[in-house]
Amino acid sequence: MIKRFFVVIFFFIVLMNGVYALGVTPGRTTIDYIPNLEKEVQFSVLNNENKEMDVIFFIQGELNGSVSLFDTKAEFKKKDSSKGFRYKVKLPEKLNPGLHTADIVSLEVPK
């Protein structure tokens, strides 16, 4: 019984497809609240696998209406090791104390 369990686990691991993630740097940016603050922030997407791919960007989270992307789609060639992108943050006039977030999601999409 135990041997069968280990055989099943072994085949599961061997047959499992690799999971790959896009590299994004910096992974997090913290902005202290100032009413009506407008700030432009830069980030980079890394193409660690040196492959051709399309990447889309979208915003989610509580402050998604306060963030606007300059680009919503990018095309990477094999030779592109990384590309830089920007977004703009415009904080509201009033905000309750505490942590408030917006996430910029980068997602590889099929060509």
PDB file of N, CA and C in Angstrom:
ATOM      1  N   MET A   1       0.813  -1.190   0.000  1.00  0.00           N
ATOM      2  CA  MET A   1       0.000   0.000   0.000  1.00  0.00           C
ATOM      3  C   MET A   1       0.863   1.263   0.000  1.00  0.00           C
ATOM      4  N   ILE A   2       1.873   1.287   0.857  1.00  0.00           N
ATOM      5  CA  ILE A   2       2.756   2.448   0.931  1.00  0.00           C
ATOM      6  C   ILE A   2       3.572   2.571  -0.344  1.00  0.00           C
ATOM      7  N   LYS A   3       4.018   1.448  -0.900  1.00  0.00           N
ATOM      8  CA  LYS A   3       4.777   1.495  -2.160  1.00  0.00           C
ATOM      9  C   LYS A   3       3.919   2.081  -3.272  1.00  0.00           C
ATOM     10  N   ARG A   4       2.672   1.678  -3.332  1.00  0.00           N
ATOM     11  CA  ARG A   4       1.771   2.195  -4.368  1.00  0.00           C
ATOM     12  C   ARG A   4       1.603   3.714  -4.218  1.00  0.00           C
ATOM     13  N   PHE A   5       1.482   4.192  -2.998  1.00  0.00           N
ATOM     14  CA  PHE A   5       1.355   5.621  -2.734  1.00  0.00           C
ATOM     15  C   PHE A   5       2.575   6.375  -3.259  1.00  0.00           C
ATOM     16  N   PHE A   6       3.779   5.869  -2.958  1.00  0.00           N
ATOM     17  CA  PHE A   6       4.994   6.541  -3.425  1.00  0.00           C
ATOM     18  C   PHE A   6       5.137   6.473  -4.941  1.00  0.00           C
ATOM     19  N   VAL A   7       4.711   5.399  -5.564  1.00  0.00           N
ATOM     20  CA  VAL A   7       4.755   5.292  -7.019  1.00  0.00           C
ATOM     21  C   VAL A   7       3.815   6.312  -7.647  1.00  0.00           C
ATOM     22  N   VAL A   8       2.625   6.447  -7.103  1.00  0.00           N
ATOM     23  CA  VAL A   8       1.672   7.425  -7.620  1.00  0.00           C
ATOM     24  C   VAL A   8       2.227   8.842  -7.457  1.00  0.00           C
ATOM     25  N   ILE A   9       2.779   9.152  -6.298  1.00  0.00           N
ATOM     26  CA  ILE A   9       3.365  10.471  -6.065  1.00  0.00           C
ATOM     27  C   ILE A   9       4.529  10.706  -7.020  1.00  0.00           C
ATOM     28  N   PHE A  10       5.379   9.714  -7.230  1.00  0.00           N
ATOM     29  CA  PHE A  10       6.511   9.849  -8.143  1.00  0.00           C
ATOM     30  C   PHE A  10       6.037  10.176  -9.551  1.00  0.00           C
ATOM     31  N   PHE A  11       5.054   9.443 -10.063  1.00  0.00           N
ATOM     32  CA  PHE A  11       4.554   9.714 -11.409  1.00  0.00           C
ATOM     33  C   PHE A  11       3.856  11.079 -11.486  1.00  0.00           C
ATOM     34  N   PHE A  12       3.188  11.465 -10.444  1.00  0.00           N
ATOM     35  CA  PHE A  12       2.552  12.782 -10.417  1.00  0.00           C
ATOM     36  C   PHE A  12       3.605  13.880 -10.547  1.00  0.00           C
ATOM     37  N   ILE A  13       4.682  13.755  -9.822  1.00  0.00           N
ATOM     38  CA  ILE A  13       5.760  14.754  -9.881  1.00  0.00           C
ATOM     39  C   ILE A  13       6.436  14.746 -11.243  1.00  0.00           C
ATOM     40  N   VAL A  14       6.713  13.585 -11.791  1.00  0.00           N
ATOM     41  CA  VAL A  14       7.389  13.482 -13.088  1.00  0.00           C
ATOM     42  C   VAL A  14       6.524  14.029 -14.214  1.00  0.00           C
ATOM     43  N   LEU A  15       5.234  13.755 -14.182  1.00  0.00           N
ATOM     44  CA  LEU A  15       4.343  14.169 -15.258  1.00  0.00           C
ATOM     45  C   LEU A  15       3.798  15.585 -15.094  1.00  0.00           C
ATOM     46  N   MET A  16       4.043  16.200 -13.956  1.00  0.00           N
ATOM     47  CA  MET A  16       3.515  17.533 -13.698  1.00  0.00           C
ATOM     48  C   MET A  16       4.215  18.551 -14.600  1.00  0.00           C
ATOM     49  N   ASN A  17       3.428  19.410 -15.231  1.00  0.00           N
ATOM     50  CA  ASN A  17       4.002  20.473 -16.051  1.00  0.00           C
ATOM     51  C   ASN A  17       4.653  21.511 -15.164  1.00  0.00           C
ATOM     52  N   GLY A  18       5.683  22.155 -15.702  1.00  0.00           N
ATOM     53  CA  GLY A  18       6.345  23.218 -14.963  1.00  0.00           C
ATOM     54  C   GLY A  18       5.455  24.443 -14.867  1.00  0.00           C
ATOM     55  N   VAL A  19       5.545  25.123 -13.761  1.00  0.00           N
ATOM     56  CA  VAL A  19       4.808  26.360 -13.570  1.00  0.00           C
ATOM     57  C   VAL A  19       5.821  27.493 -13.637  1.00  0.00           C
ATOM     58  N   TYR A  20       5.562  28.459 -14.498  1.00  0.00           N
ATOM     59  CA  TYR A  20       6.480  29.559 -14.679  1.00  0.00           C
ATOM     60  C   TYR A  20       5.794  30.855 -14.296  1.00  0.00           C
ATOM     61  N   ALA A  21       6.552  31.766 -13.794  1.00  0.00           N
ATOM     62  CA  ALA A  21       6.006  33.062 -13.407  1.00  0.00           C
ATOM     63  C   ALA A  21       6.811  34.162 -14.083  1.00  0.00           C
ATOM     64  N   LEU A  22       6.139  35.253 -14.352  1.00  0.00           N
ATOM     65  CA  LEU A  22       6.824  36.422 -14.874  1.00  0.00           C
ATOM     66  C   LEU A  22       7.543  37.107 -13.728  1.00  0.00           C
ATOM     67  N   GLY A  23       8.723  37.598 -14.008  1.00  0.00           N
ATOM     68  CA  GLY A  23       9.440  38.369 -13.009  1.00  0.00           C
ATOM     69  C   GLY A  23       9.063  39.837 -13.121  1.00  0.00           C
ATOM     70  N   VAL A  24       8.719  40.457 -11.999  1.00  0.00           N
ATOM     71  CA  VAL A  24       8.387  41.874 -11.971  1.00  0.00           C
ATOM     72  C   VAL A  24       9.222  42.523 -10.875  1.00  0.00           C
ATOM     73  N   THR A  25       9.841  43.640 -11.220  1.00  0.00           N
ATOM     74  CA  THR A  25      10.658  44.332 -10.242  1.00  0.00           C
ATOM     75  C   THR A  25      10.401  45.831 -10.305  1.00  0.00           C
ATOM     76  N   PRO A  26      10.245  46.544  -9.229  1.00  0.00           N
ATOM     77  CA  PRO A  26      10.155  46.022  -7.867  1.00  0.00           C
ATOM     78  C   PRO A  26       8.831  45.301  -7.650  1.00  0.00           C
ATOM     79  N   GLY A  27       8.841  44.358  -6.749  1.00  0.00           N
ATOM     80  CA  GLY A  27       7.654  43.565  -6.485  1.00  0.00           C
ATOM     81  C   GLY A  27       6.586  44.326  -5.710  1.00  0.00           C
ATOM     82  N   ARG A  28       6.989  45.385  -5.027  1.00  0.00           N
ATOM     83  CA  ARG A  28       6.040  46.167  -4.222  1.00  0.00           C
ATOM     84  C   ARG A  28       6.558  47.594  -4.097  1.00  0.00           C
ATOM     85  N   THR A  29       5.645  48.536  -4.162  1.00  0.00           N
ATOM     86  CA  THR A  29       5.982  49.946  -3.954  1.00  0.00           C
ATOM     87  C   THR A  29       5.047  50.490  -2.890  1.00  0.00           C
ATOM     88  N   THR A  30       5.598  51.125  -1.876  1.00  0.00           N
ATOM     89  CA  THR A  30       4.811  51.705  -0.797  1.00  0.00           C
ATOM     90  C   THR A  30       4.795  53.222  -0.970  1.00  0.00           C
ATOM     91  N   ILE A  31       3.598  53.791  -0.919  1.00  0.00           N
ATOM     92  CA  ILE A  31       3.442  55.237  -1.039  1.00  0.00           C
ATOM     93  C   ILE A  31       2.703  55.729   0.196  1.00  0.00           C
ATOM     94  N   ASP A  32       3.314  56.650   0.914  1.00  0.00           N
ATOM     95  CA  ASP A  32       2.649  57.239   2.075  1.00  0.00           C
ATOM     96  C   ASP A  32       1.547  58.169   1.595  1.00  0.00           C
ATOM     97  N   TYR A  33       0.434  58.165   2.322  1.00  0.00           N
ATOM     98  CA  TYR A  33      -0.732  58.934   1.904  1.00  0.00           C
ATOM     99  C   TYR A  33      -0.522  60.429   2.069  1.00  0.00           C
ATOM    100  N   ILE A  34      -0.757  61.137   0.986  1.00  0.00           N
ATOM    101  CA  ILE A  34      -0.847  62.596   0.960  1.00  0.00           C
ATOM    102  C   ILE A  34      -2.067  62.898   0.099  1.00  0.00           C
ATOM    103  N   PRO A  35      -3.038  63.667   0.608  1.00  0.00           N
ATOM    104  CA  PRO A  35      -4.254  63.926  -0.174  1.00  0.00           C
ATOM    105  C   PRO A  35      -3.929  64.455  -1.574  1.00  0.00           C
ATOM    106  N   ASN A  36      -4.589  63.877  -2.571  1.00  0.00           N
ATOM    107  CA  ASN A  36      -4.453  64.274  -3.981  1.00  0.00           C
ATOM    108  C   ASN A  36      -3.049  64.093  -4.554  1.00  0.00           C
ATOM    109  N   LEU A  37      -2.241  63.277  -3.912  1.00  0.00           N
ATOM    110  CA  LEU A  37      -0.887  63.027  -4.423  1.00  0.00           C
ATOM    111  C   LEU A  37      -0.954  62.406  -5.814  1.00  0.00           C
ATOM    112  N   GLU A  38      -0.141  62.898  -6.725  1.00  0.00           N
ATOM    113  CA  GLU A  38       0.013  62.301  -8.048  1.00  0.00           C
ATOM    114  C   GLU A  38       1.468  61.891  -8.189  1.00  0.00           C
ATOM    115  N   LYS A  39       1.666  60.649  -8.560  1.00  0.00           N
ATOM    116  CA  LYS A  39       3.031  60.134  -8.649  1.00  0.00           C
ATOM    117  C   LYS A  39       3.119  59.130  -9.783  1.00  0.00           C
ATOM    118  N   GLU A  40       4.215  59.173 -10.516  1.00  0.00           N
ATOM    119  CA  GLU A  40       4.477  58.215 -11.579  1.00  0.00           C
ATOM    120  C   GLU A  40       5.488  57.199 -11.058  1.00  0.00           C
ATOM    121  N   VAL A  41       5.200  55.922 -11.278  1.00  0.00           N
ATOM    122  CA  VAL A  41       6.046  54.841 -10.763  1.00  0.00           C
ATOM    123  C   VAL A  41       6.470  53.953 -11.924  1.00  0.00           C
ATOM    124  N   GLN A  42       7.717  53.515 -11.892  1.00  0.00           N
ATOM    125  CA  GLN A  42       8.241  52.634 -12.937  1.00  0.00           C
ATOM    126  C   GLN A  42       8.414  51.231 -12.396  1.00  0.00           C
ATOM    127  N   PHE A  43       8.246  50.246 -13.282  1.00  0.00           N
ATOM    128  CA  PHE A  43       8.522  48.857 -12.945  1.00  0.00           C
ATOM    129  C   PHE A  43       9.003  48.147 -14.200  1.00  0.00           C
ATOM    130  N   SER A  44       9.599  46.995 -14.027  1.00  0.00           N
ATOM    131  CA  SER A  44      10.115  46.212 -15.147  1.00  0.00           C
ATOM    132  C   SER A  44       9.547  44.804 -15.110  1.00  0.00           C
ATOM    133  N   VAL A  45       9.330  44.251 -16.285  1.00  0.00           N
ATOM    134  CA  VAL A  45       8.934  42.856 -16.424  1.00  0.00           C
ATOM    135  C   VAL A  45      10.123  42.126 -17.027  1.00  0.00           C
ATOM    136  N   LEU A  46      10.507  41.017 -16.406  1.00  0.00           N
ATOM    137  CA  LEU A  46      11.669  40.244 -16.840  1.00  0.00           C
ATOM    138  C   LEU A  46      11.239  39.059 -17.689  1.00  0.00           C
ATOM    139  N   ASN A  47      11.974  38.817 -18.741  1.00  0.00           N
ATOM    140  CA  ASN A  47      11.740  37.670 -19.625  1.00  0.00           C
ATOM    141  C   ASN A  47      12.855  36.661 -19.351  1.00  0.00           C
ATOM    142  N   ASN A  48      12.782  35.986 -18.213  1.00  0.00           N
ATOM    143  CA  ASN A  48      13.835  35.061 -17.780  1.00  0.00           C
ATOM    144  C   ASN A  48      14.019  33.879 -18.720  1.00  0.00           C
ATOM    145  N   GLU A  49      12.961  33.502 -19.423  1.00  0.00           N
ATOM    146  CA  GLU A  49      13.027  32.335 -20.302  1.00  0.00           C
ATOM    147  C   GLU A  49      13.441  32.698 -21.721  1.00  0.00           C
ATOM    148  N   ASN A  50      13.657  33.990 -21.974  1.00  0.00           N
ATOM    149  CA  ASN A  50      14.037  34.461 -23.315  1.00  0.00           C
ATOM    150  C   ASN A  50      13.145  33.868 -24.389  1.00  0.00           C
ATOM    151  N   LYS A  51      11.841  34.100 -24.256  1.00  0.00           N
ATOM    152  CA  LYS A  51      10.898  33.566 -25.225  1.00  0.00           C
ATOM    153  C   LYS A  51      10.009  34.687 -25.744  1.00  0.00           C
ATOM    154  N   GLU A  52       9.401  34.420 -26.889  1.00  0.00           N
ATOM    155  CA  GLU A  52       8.435  35.369 -27.423  1.00  0.00           C
ATOM    156  C   GLU A  52       7.129  35.189 -26.671  1.00  0.00           C
ATOM    157  N   MET A  53       6.579  36.322 -26.219  1.00  0.00           N
ATOM    158  CA  MET A  53       5.325  36.240 -25.465  1.00  0.00           C
ATOM    159  C   MET A  53       4.634  37.588 -25.487  1.00  0.00           C
ATOM    160  N   ASP A  54       3.350  37.553 -25.246  1.00  0.00           N
ATOM    161  CA  ASP A  54       2.559  38.760 -25.051  1.00  0.00           C
ATOM    162  C   ASP A  54       2.147  38.803 -23.591  1.00  0.00           C
ATOM    163  N   VAL A  55       2.193  39.993 -23.022  1.00  0.00           N
ATOM    164  CA  VAL A  55       1.825  40.182 -21.620  1.00  0.00           C
ATOM    165  C   VAL A  55       0.776  41.281 -21.558  1.00  0.00           C
ATOM    166  N   ILE A  56      -0.277  41.043 -20.785  1.00  0.00           N
ATOM    167  CA  ILE A  56      -1.268  42.085 -20.550  1.00  0.00           C
ATOM    168  C   ILE A  56      -1.177  42.515 -19.089  1.00  0.00           C
ATOM    169  N   PHE A  57      -1.577  43.758 -18.841  1.00  0.00           N
ATOM    170  CA  PHE A  57      -1.559  44.321 -17.499  1.00  0.00           C
ATOM    171  C   PHE A  57      -2.969  44.773 -17.150  1.00  0.00           C
ATOM    172  N   PHE A  58      -3.355  44.542 -15.914  1.00  0.00           N
ATOM    173  CA  PHE A  58      -4.611  45.096 -15.416  1.00  0.00           C
ATOM    174  C   PHE A  58      -4.468  45.382 -13.931  1.00  0.00           C
ATOM    175  N   ILE A  59      -5.387  46.181 -13.427  1.00  0.00           N
ATOM    176  CA  ILE A  59      -5.325  46.645 -12.039  1.00  0.00           C
ATOM    177  C   ILE A  59      -6.480  46.053 -11.264  1.00  0.00           C
ATOM    178  N   GLN A  60      -6.201  45.628 -10.052  1.00  0.00           N
ATOM    179  CA  GLN A  60      -7.247  45.134  -9.157  1.00  0.00           C
ATOM    180  C   GLN A  60      -6.947  45.632  -7.757  1.00  0.00           C
ATOM    181  N   GLY A  61      -7.924  45.547  -6.895  1.00  0.00           N
ATOM    182  CA  GLY A  61      -7.742  45.976  -5.515  1.00  0.00           C
ATOM    183  C   GLY A  61      -8.572  47.200  -5.188  1.00  0.00           C
ATOM    184  N   GLU A  62      -8.555  47.556  -3.945  1.00  0.00           N
ATOM    185  CA  GLU A  62      -9.389  48.644  -3.422  1.00  0.00           C
ATOM    186  C   GLU A  62      -9.131  49.977  -4.128  1.00  0.00           C
ATOM    187  N   LEU A  63      -7.890  50.304  -4.412  1.00  0.00           N
ATOM    188  CA  LEU A  63      -7.546  51.587  -5.027  1.00  0.00           C
ATOM    189  C   LEU A  63      -7.355  51.487  -6.541  1.00  0.00           C
ATOM    190  N   ASN A  64      -8.008  50.526  -7.170  1.00  0.00           N
ATOM    191  CA  ASN A  64      -7.809  50.354  -8.614  1.00  0.00           C
ATOM    192  C   ASN A  64      -8.226  51.584  -9.411  1.00  0.00           C
ATOM    193  N   GLY A  65      -9.162  52.388  -8.913  1.00  0.00           N
ATOM    194  CA  GLY A  65      -9.558  53.609  -9.607  1.00  0.00           C
ATOM    195  C   GLY A  65      -8.551  54.737  -9.471  1.00  0.00           C
ATOM    196  N   SER A  66      -7.584  54.569  -8.587  1.00  0.00           N
ATOM    197  CA  SER A  66      -6.565  55.595  -8.372  1.00  0.00           C
ATOM    198  C   SER A  66      -5.294  55.336  -9.168  1.00  0.00           C
ATOM    199  N   VAL A  67      -5.253  54.237  -9.882  1.00  0.00           N
ATOM    200  CA  VAL A  67      -4.053  53.865 -10.637  1.00  0.00           C
ATOM    201  C   VAL A  67      -4.411  53.770 -12.113  1.00  0.00           C
ATOM    202  N   SER A  68      -3.568  54.341 -12.951  1.00  0.00           N
ATOM    203  CA  SER A  68      -3.775  54.230 -14.400  1.00  0.00           C
ATOM    204  C   SER A  68      -2.475  53.778 -15.050  1.00  0.00           C
ATOM    205  N   LEU A  69      -2.606  52.836 -15.961  1.00  0.00           N
ATOM    206  CA  LEU A  69      -1.452  52.282 -16.668  1.00  0.00           C
ATOM    207  C   LEU A  69      -1.186  53.070 -17.940  1.00  0.00           C
ATOM    208  N   PHE A  70       0.085  53.227 -18.272  1.00  0.00           N
ATOM    209  CA  PHE A  70       0.446  53.844 -19.540  1.00  0.00           C
ATOM    210  C   PHE A  70       0.337  52.820 -20.671  1.00  0.00           C
ATOM    211  N   ASP A  71       0.619  51.551 -20.366  1.00  0.00           N
ATOM    212  CA  ASP A  71       0.519  50.455 -21.338  1.00  0.00           C
ATOM    213  C   ASP A  71      -0.305  49.341 -20.726  1.00  0.00           C
ATOM    214  N   THR A  72      -1.185  48.738 -21.519  1.00  0.00           N
ATOM    215  CA  THR A  72      -1.970  47.605 -21.020  1.00  0.00           C
ATOM    216  C   THR A  72      -1.554  46.298 -21.686  1.00  0.00           C
ATOM    217  N   LYS A  73      -0.661  46.371 -22.668  1.00  0.00           N
ATOM    218  CA  LYS A  73      -0.194  45.176 -23.355  1.00  0.00           C
ATOM    219  C   LYS A  73       1.249  45.385 -23.794  1.00  0.00           C
ATOM    220  N   ALA A  74       2.020  44.315 -23.784  1.00  0.00           N
ATOM    221  CA  ALA A  74       3.414  44.373 -24.225  1.00  0.00           C
ATOM    222  C   ALA A  74       3.749  43.111 -24.992  1.00  0.00           C
ATOM    223  N   GLU A  75       4.621  43.265 -25.954  1.00  0.00           N
ATOM    224  CA  GLU A  75       5.088  42.126 -26.748  1.00  0.00           C
ATOM    225  C   GLU A  75       6.581  41.957 -26.507  1.00  0.00           C
ATOM    226  N   PHE A  76       6.960  40.753 -26.108  1.00  0.00           N
ATOM    227  CA  PHE A  76       8.364  40.446 -25.861  1.00  0.00           C
ATOM    228  C   PHE A  76       8.902  39.576 -26.992  1.00  0.00           C
ATOM    229  N   LYS A  77      10.100  39.894 -27.445  1.00  0.00           N
ATOM    230  CA  LYS A  77      10.839  39.063 -28.399  1.00  0.00           C
ATOM    231  C   LYS A  77      11.836  38.224 -27.610  1.00  0.00           C
ATOM    232  N   LYS A  78      12.406  37.214 -28.242  1.00  0.00           N
ATOM    233  CA  LYS A  78      13.377  36.357 -27.558  1.00  0.00           C
ATOM    234  C   LYS A  78      14.557  37.152 -27.015  1.00  0.00           C
ATOM    235  N   LYS A  79      14.952  38.188 -27.733  1.00  0.00           N
ATOM    236  CA  LYS A  79      16.127  38.967 -27.335  1.00  0.00           C
ATOM    237  C   LYS A  79      15.850  39.942 -26.189  1.00  0.00           C
ATOM    238  N   ASP A  80      14.562  40.188 -25.880  1.00  0.00           N
ATOM    239  CA  ASP A  80      14.206  41.128 -24.817  1.00  0.00           C
ATOM    240  C   ASP A  80      14.328  40.465 -23.453  1.00  0.00           C
ATOM    241  N   SER A  81      15.350  40.854 -22.696  1.00  0.00           N
ATOM    242  CA  SER A  81      15.507  40.267 -21.361  1.00  0.00           C
ATOM    243  C   SER A  81      14.598  40.954 -20.343  1.00  0.00           C
ATOM    244  N   SER A  82      14.265  42.222 -20.587  1.00  0.00           N
ATOM    245  CA  SER A  82      13.323  42.932 -19.724  1.00  0.00           C
ATOM    246  C   SER A  82      12.820  44.165 -20.464  1.00  0.00           C
ATOM    247  N   LYS A  83      11.704  44.679 -19.983  1.00  0.00           N
ATOM    248  CA  LYS A  83      11.135  45.915 -20.518  1.00  0.00           C
ATOM    249  C   LYS A  83      10.597  46.733 -19.358  1.00  0.00           C
ATOM    250  N   GLY A  84      10.719  48.056 -19.493  1.00  0.00           N
ATOM    251  CA  GLY A  84      10.244  48.960 -18.461  1.00  0.00           C
ATOM    252  C   GLY A  84       8.859  49.502 -18.789  1.00  0.00           C
ATOM    253  N   PHE A  85       8.068  49.713 -17.750  1.00  0.00           N
ATOM    254  CA  PHE A  85       6.714  50.230 -17.881  1.00  0.00           C
ATOM    255  C   PHE A  85       6.456  51.246 -16.775  1.00  0.00           C
ATOM    256  N   ARG A  86       5.361  52.016 -16.921  1.00  0.00           N
ATOM    257  CA  ARG A  86       5.021  53.045 -15.943  1.00  0.00           C
ATOM    258  C   ARG A  86       3.525  53.008 -15.629  1.00  0.00           C
ATOM    259  N   TYR A  87       3.202  53.470 -14.443  1.00  0.00           N
ATOM    260  CA  TYR A  87       1.816  53.703 -14.075  1.00  0.00           C
ATOM    261  C   TYR A  87       1.751  54.980 -13.251  1.00  0.00           C
ATOM    262  N   LYS A  88       0.573  55.562 -13.194  1.00  0.00           N
ATOM    263  CA  LYS A  88       0.390  56.803 -12.463  1.00  0.00           C
ATOM    264  C   LYS A  88      -0.591  56.556 -11.322  1.00  0.00           C
ATOM    265  N   VAL A  89      -0.251  57.088 -10.157  1.00  0.00           N
ATOM    266  CA  VAL A  89      -1.104  56.989  -8.972  1.00  0.00           C
ATOM    267  C   VAL A  89      -1.627  58.382  -8.659  1.00  0.00           C
ATOM    268  N   LYS A  90      -2.925  58.497  -8.483  1.00  0.00           N
ATOM    269  CA  LYS A  90      -3.544  59.749  -8.024  1.00  0.00           C
ATOM    270  C   LYS A  90      -4.415  59.386  -6.836  1.00  0.00           C
ATOM    271  N   LEU A  91      -3.921  59.697  -5.645  1.00  0.00           N
ATOM    272  CA  LEU A  91      -4.625  59.331  -4.419  1.00  0.00           C
ATOM    273  C   LEU A  91      -5.830  60.239  -4.197  1.00  0.00           C
ATOM    274  N   PRO A  92      -6.883  59.707  -3.588  1.00  0.00           N
ATOM    275  CA  PRO A  92      -8.087  60.514  -3.336  1.00  0.00           C
ATOM    276  C   PRO A  92      -7.833  61.578  -2.261  1.00  0.00           C
ATOM    277  N   GLU A  93      -8.767  62.518  -2.206  1.00  0.00           N
ATOM    278  CA  GLU A  93      -8.642  63.601  -1.221  1.00  0.00           C
ATOM    279  C   GLU A  93      -8.803  63.084   0.200  1.00  0.00           C
ATOM    280  N   LYS A  94      -9.698  62.119   0.390  1.00  0.00           N
ATOM    281  CA  LYS A  94      -9.913  61.543   1.719  1.00  0.00           C
ATOM    282  C   LYS A  94      -9.769  60.034   1.645  1.00  0.00           C
ATOM    283  N   LEU A  95      -9.156  59.502   2.690  1.00  0.00           N
ATOM    284  CA  LEU A  95      -8.945  58.064   2.770  1.00  0.00           C
ATOM    285  C   LEU A  95      -8.886  57.683   4.239  1.00  0.00           C
ATOM    286  N   ASN A  96      -9.609  56.642   4.616  1.00  0.00           N
ATOM    287  CA  ASN A  96      -9.583  56.185   6.002  1.00  0.00           C
ATOM    288  C   ASN A  96      -8.202  55.655   6.356  1.00  0.00           C
ATOM    289  N   PRO A  97      -7.818  55.783   7.641  1.00  0.00           N
ATOM    290  CA  PRO A  97      -6.519  55.257   8.068  1.00  0.00           C
ATOM    291  C   PRO A  97      -6.432  53.751   7.824  1.00  0.00           C
ATOM    292  N   GLY A  98      -5.229  53.277   7.596  1.00  0.00           N
ATOM    293  CA  GLY A  98      -4.999  51.850   7.414  1.00  0.00           C
ATOM    294  C   GLY A  98      -4.343  51.558   6.081  1.00  0.00           C
ATOM    295  N   LEU A  99      -4.164  50.288   5.819  1.00  0.00           N
ATOM    296  CA  LEU A  99      -3.523  49.837   4.590  1.00  0.00           C
ATOM    297  C   LEU A  99      -4.550  49.789   3.462  1.00  0.00           C
ATOM    298  N   HIS A 100      -4.230  50.392   2.348  1.00  0.00           N
ATOM    299  CA  HIS A 100      -5.068  50.380   1.156  1.00  0.00           C
ATOM    300  C   HIS A 100      -4.182  49.958  -0.002  1.00  0.00           C
ATOM    301  N   THR A 101      -4.686  49.067  -0.846  1.00  0.00           N
ATOM    302  CA  THR A 101      -3.828  48.513  -1.890  1.00  0.00           C
ATOM    303  C   THR A 101      -4.470  48.572  -3.267  1.00  0.00           C
ATOM    304  N   ALA A 102      -3.596  48.536  -4.243  1.00  0.00           N
ATOM    305  CA  ALA A 102      -3.957  48.323  -5.641  1.00  0.00           C
ATOM    306  C   ALA A 102      -2.886  47.387  -6.190  1.00  0.00           C
ATOM    307  N   ASP A 103      -3.292  46.406  -6.956  1.00  0.00           N
ATOM    308  CA  ASP A 103      -2.356  45.436  -7.520  1.00  0.00           C
ATOM    309  C   ASP A 103      -2.333  45.582  -9.031  1.00  0.00           C
ATOM    310  N   ILE A 104      -1.137  45.636  -9.580  1.00  0.00           N
ATOM    311  CA  ILE A 104      -0.980  45.592 -11.030  1.00  0.00           C
ATOM    312  C   ILE A 104      -0.598  44.158 -11.368  1.00  0.00           C
ATOM    313  N   VAL A 105      -1.464  43.520 -12.122  1.00  0.00           N
ATOM    314  CA  VAL A 105      -1.282  42.116 -12.459  1.00  0.00           C
ATOM    315  C   VAL A 105      -0.702  42.040 -13.871  1.00  0.00           C
ATOM    316  N   SER A 106       0.364  41.275 -14.023  1.00  0.00           N
ATOM    317  CA  SER A 106       0.919  41.014 -15.356  1.00  0.00           C
ATOM    318  C   SER A 106       0.649  39.550 -15.684  1.00  0.00           C
ATOM    319  N   LEU A 107       0.078  39.331 -16.852  1.00  0.00           N
ATOM    320  CA  LEU A 107      -0.373  37.995 -17.224  1.00  0.00           C
ATOM    321  C   LEU A 107       0.092  37.674 -18.625  1.00  0.00           C
ATOM    322  N   GLU A 108       0.788  36.557 -18.768  1.00  0.00           N
ATOM    323  CA  GLU A 108       1.201  36.098 -20.102  1.00  0.00           C
ATOM    324  C   GLU A 108      -0.003  35.514 -20.803  1.00  0.00           C
ATOM    325  N   VAL A 109      -0.233  35.931 -22.044  1.00  0.00           N
ATOM    326  CA  VAL A 109      -1.355  35.436 -22.818  1.00  0.00           C
ATOM    327  C   VAL A 109      -0.827  34.749 -24.073  1.00  0.00           C
ATOM    328  N   PRO A 110      -1.577  33.771 -24.596  1.00  0.00           N
ATOM    329  CA  PRO A 110      -1.133  33.078 -25.811  1.00  0.00           C
ATOM    330  C   PRO A 110      -1.022  34.033 -26.984  1.00  0.00           C
ATOM    331  N   LYS A 111      -0.081  33.775 -27.842  1.00  0.00           N
ATOM    332  CA  LYS A 111       0.086  34.588 -29.055  1.00  0.00           C
ATOM    333  C   LYS A 111      -0.999  34.255 -30.039  1.00  0.00           C
TER     334      LYS A 111
END
